[in-house]
Amino acid sequence: MTPPAESDFVPSPCVSVCKLTADRAYCIGCLRTLEEIRGWKHMDADQKRALLADLENRQAAAAE
């Protein structure tokens, strides 16, 4: 099996603050849903980058 190309590496958004909101909608540390957290390892690089863009939008919306 060939290791992924360096350009395929997308770092996890996890910041080691693993606590769900009271309604269990998302993690307060990385803003991902449980489904997104579980699925991260199965996503390809493009899917991960798309999720990271969504997380930026979530963070901006939460700041308002």
N, C-alpha and C. Protein backbone atom coordinates (compact mmCIF):
# COMPACT_ATOMS: atom_id res chain seq x y z
N MET A 1 0.85 -1.18 0.00
CA MET A 1 0.00 0.00 0.00
C MET A 1 0.90 1.24 0.00
N THR A 2 0.57 2.19 -0.83
CA THR A 2 1.34 3.42 -0.95
C THR A 2 0.84 4.45 0.06
N PRO A 3 1.75 5.08 0.81
CA PRO A 3 1.29 6.10 1.75
C PRO A 3 0.71 7.29 1.00
N PRO A 4 -0.21 8.03 1.63
CA PRO A 4 -0.81 9.17 0.94
C PRO A 4 0.23 10.25 0.64
N ALA A 5 0.00 10.95 -0.45
CA ALA A 5 0.89 12.05 -0.80
C ALA A 5 0.79 13.13 0.27
N GLU A 6 1.88 13.88 0.45
CA GLU A 6 1.88 14.92 1.49
C GLU A 6 0.76 15.93 1.26
N SER A 7 0.42 16.19 0.00
CA SER A 7 -0.63 17.15 -0.29
C SER A 7 -2.01 16.62 0.10
N ASP A 8 -2.10 15.31 0.34
CA ASP A 8 -3.36 14.70 0.76
C ASP A 8 -3.55 14.78 2.27
N PHE A 9 -2.52 15.15 3.00
CA PHE A 9 -2.64 15.22 4.46
C PHE A 9 -3.40 16.48 4.85
N VAL A 10 -4.46 16.30 5.62
CA VAL A 10 -5.24 17.40 6.15
C VAL A 10 -5.30 17.21 7.66
N PRO A 11 -4.75 18.14 8.44
CA PRO A 11 -4.73 17.96 9.89
C PRO A 11 -6.14 18.02 10.48
N SER A 12 -6.33 17.25 11.51
CA SER A 12 -7.62 17.22 12.20
C SER A 12 -7.87 18.57 12.88
N PRO A 13 -9.14 18.99 12.92
CA PRO A 13 -9.47 20.23 13.61
C PRO A 13 -9.55 20.06 15.13
N CYS A 14 -9.33 18.86 15.62
CA CYS A 14 -9.42 18.59 17.06
C CYS A 14 -8.42 19.45 17.83
N VAL A 15 -8.89 20.08 18.90
CA VAL A 15 -8.02 20.90 19.74
C VAL A 15 -7.94 20.32 21.16
N SER A 16 -8.33 19.06 21.31
CA SER A 16 -8.30 18.33 22.57
C SER A 16 -9.16 18.97 23.66
N VAL A 17 -10.25 19.60 23.25
CA VAL A 17 -11.27 20.09 24.16
C VAL A 17 -12.54 19.34 23.76
N CYS A 18 -12.60 18.09 24.18
CA CYS A 18 -13.63 17.18 23.70
C CYS A 18 -14.83 17.17 24.65
N LYS A 19 -15.73 18.11 24.40
CA LYS A 19 -16.93 18.22 25.22
C LYS A 19 -18.07 18.66 24.31
N LEU A 20 -19.18 17.95 24.42
CA LEU A 20 -20.33 18.28 23.59
C LEU A 20 -21.15 19.40 24.23
N THR A 21 -21.84 20.13 23.36
CA THR A 21 -22.77 21.14 23.85
C THR A 21 -23.88 20.43 24.62
N ALA A 22 -24.63 21.19 25.41
CA ALA A 22 -25.70 20.60 26.23
C ALA A 22 -26.70 19.82 25.38
N ASP A 23 -26.98 20.29 24.18
CA ASP A 23 -27.92 19.60 23.30
C ASP A 23 -27.25 18.50 22.47
N ARG A 24 -25.96 18.29 22.71
CA ARG A 24 -25.15 17.27 22.02
C ARG A 24 -25.11 17.50 20.51
N ALA A 25 -25.24 18.76 20.11
CA ALA A 25 -25.24 19.09 18.68
C ALA A 25 -23.83 19.04 18.09
N TYR A 26 -22.84 19.52 18.86
CA TYR A 26 -21.47 19.53 18.35
C TYR A 26 -20.48 19.67 19.50
N CYS A 27 -19.22 19.42 19.19
CA CYS A 27 -18.12 19.55 20.16
C CYS A 27 -17.79 21.02 20.34
N ILE A 28 -17.62 21.45 21.58
CA ILE A 28 -17.30 22.87 21.80
C ILE A 28 -15.86 23.19 21.42
N GLY A 29 -15.02 22.19 21.30
CA GLY A 29 -13.63 22.42 20.94
C GLY A 29 -13.42 22.61 19.44
N CYS A 30 -13.97 21.70 18.66
CA CYS A 30 -13.71 21.74 17.21
C CYS A 30 -14.94 22.08 16.38
N LEU A 31 -16.09 22.15 17.01
CA LEU A 31 -17.37 22.49 16.37
C LEU A 31 -17.89 21.42 15.42
N ARG A 32 -17.31 20.21 15.48
CA ARG A 32 -17.81 19.13 14.65
C ARG A 32 -18.94 18.39 15.35
N THR A 33 -19.82 17.81 14.55
CA THR A 33 -20.86 16.93 15.08
C THR A 33 -20.22 15.58 15.39
N LEU A 34 -20.91 14.77 16.17
CA LEU A 34 -20.39 13.43 16.44
C LEU A 34 -20.19 12.64 15.15
N GLU A 35 -21.12 12.78 14.23
CA GLU A 35 -21.00 12.08 12.95
C GLU A 35 -19.75 12.53 12.19
N GLU A 36 -19.46 13.82 12.22
CA GLU A 36 -18.27 14.34 11.54
C GLU A 36 -17.00 13.87 12.22
N ILE A 37 -17.02 13.80 13.54
CA ILE A 37 -15.85 13.32 14.29
C ILE A 37 -15.59 11.86 13.94
N ARG A 38 -16.63 11.06 13.99
CA ARG A 38 -16.49 9.63 13.67
C ARG A 38 -16.06 9.40 12.22
N GLY A 39 -16.56 10.23 11.32
CA GLY A 39 -16.28 10.03 9.91
C GLY A 39 -14.97 10.58 9.42
N TRP A 40 -14.28 11.38 10.22
CA TRP A 40 -13.05 12.05 9.78
C TRP A 40 -12.05 11.08 9.17
N LYS A 41 -11.82 9.96 9.83
CA LYS A 41 -10.79 9.03 9.34
C LYS A 41 -11.18 8.35 8.03
N HIS A 42 -12.46 8.42 7.67
CA HIS A 42 -12.92 7.79 6.44
C HIS A 42 -13.06 8.79 5.28
N MET A 43 -12.88 10.07 5.58
CA MET A 43 -13.01 11.11 4.55
C MET A 43 -11.74 11.21 3.72
N ASP A 44 -11.91 11.55 2.44
CA ASP A 44 -10.72 11.83 1.64
C ASP A 44 -10.31 13.29 1.89
N ALA A 45 -9.18 13.69 1.34
CA ALA A 45 -8.63 15.03 1.61
C ALA A 45 -9.59 16.14 1.19
N ASP A 46 -10.26 15.99 0.06
CA ASP A 46 -11.20 17.02 -0.39
C ASP A 46 -12.39 17.15 0.56
N GLN A 47 -12.89 16.03 1.05
CA GLN A 47 -13.99 16.07 2.01
C GLN A 47 -13.55 16.74 3.32
N LYS A 48 -12.34 16.45 3.75
CA LYS A 48 -11.82 17.06 4.98
C LYS A 48 -11.68 18.57 4.81
N ARG A 49 -11.15 18.99 3.65
CA ARG A 49 -11.00 20.43 3.41
C ARG A 49 -12.36 21.12 3.35
N ALA A 50 -13.35 20.46 2.78
CA ALA A 50 -14.71 21.03 2.73
C ALA A 50 -15.28 21.16 4.13
N LEU A 51 -15.05 20.16 4.97
CA LEU A 51 -15.53 20.24 6.35
C LEU A 51 -14.82 21.36 7.10
N LEU A 52 -13.52 21.51 6.89
CA LEU A 52 -12.79 22.59 7.55
C LEU A 52 -13.36 23.96 7.15
N ALA A 53 -13.75 24.11 5.90
CA ALA A 53 -14.37 25.36 5.45
C ALA A 53 -15.71 25.56 6.15
N ASP A 54 -16.49 24.50 6.29
CA ASP A 54 -17.76 24.58 7.01
C ASP A 54 -17.53 24.98 8.47
N LEU A 55 -16.49 24.42 9.07
CA LEU A 55 -16.19 24.74 10.46
C LEU A 55 -15.83 26.21 10.64
N GLU A 56 -15.13 26.77 9.67
CA GLU A 56 -14.82 28.21 9.72
C GLU A 56 -16.10 29.03 9.71
N ASN A 57 -17.06 28.61 8.89
CA ASN A 57 -18.34 29.31 8.84
C ASN A 57 -19.11 29.17 10.15
N ARG A 58 -19.05 27.98 10.75
CA ARG A 58 -19.71 27.76 12.04
C ARG A 58 -19.09 28.64 13.12
N GLN A 59 -17.76 28.73 13.08
CA GLN A 59 -17.07 29.54 14.08
C GLN A 59 -17.44 31.01 13.92
N ALA A 60 -17.50 31.48 12.68
CA ALA A 60 -17.87 32.87 12.42
C ALA A 60 -19.30 33.13 12.88
N ALA A 61 -20.21 32.20 12.61
CA ALA A 61 -21.61 32.36 13.02
C ALA A 61 -21.74 32.34 14.54
N ALA A 62 -20.95 31.50 15.20
CA ALA A 62 -21.01 31.43 16.66
C ALA A 62 -20.48 32.70 17.31
N ALA A 63 -19.57 33.39 16.63
CA ALA A 63 -18.97 34.60 17.18
C ALA A 63 -19.93 35.79 17.09
N GLU A 64 -20.94 35.68 16.25
CA GLU A 64 -21.89 36.80 16.07
C GLU A 64 -22.87 36.90 17.20
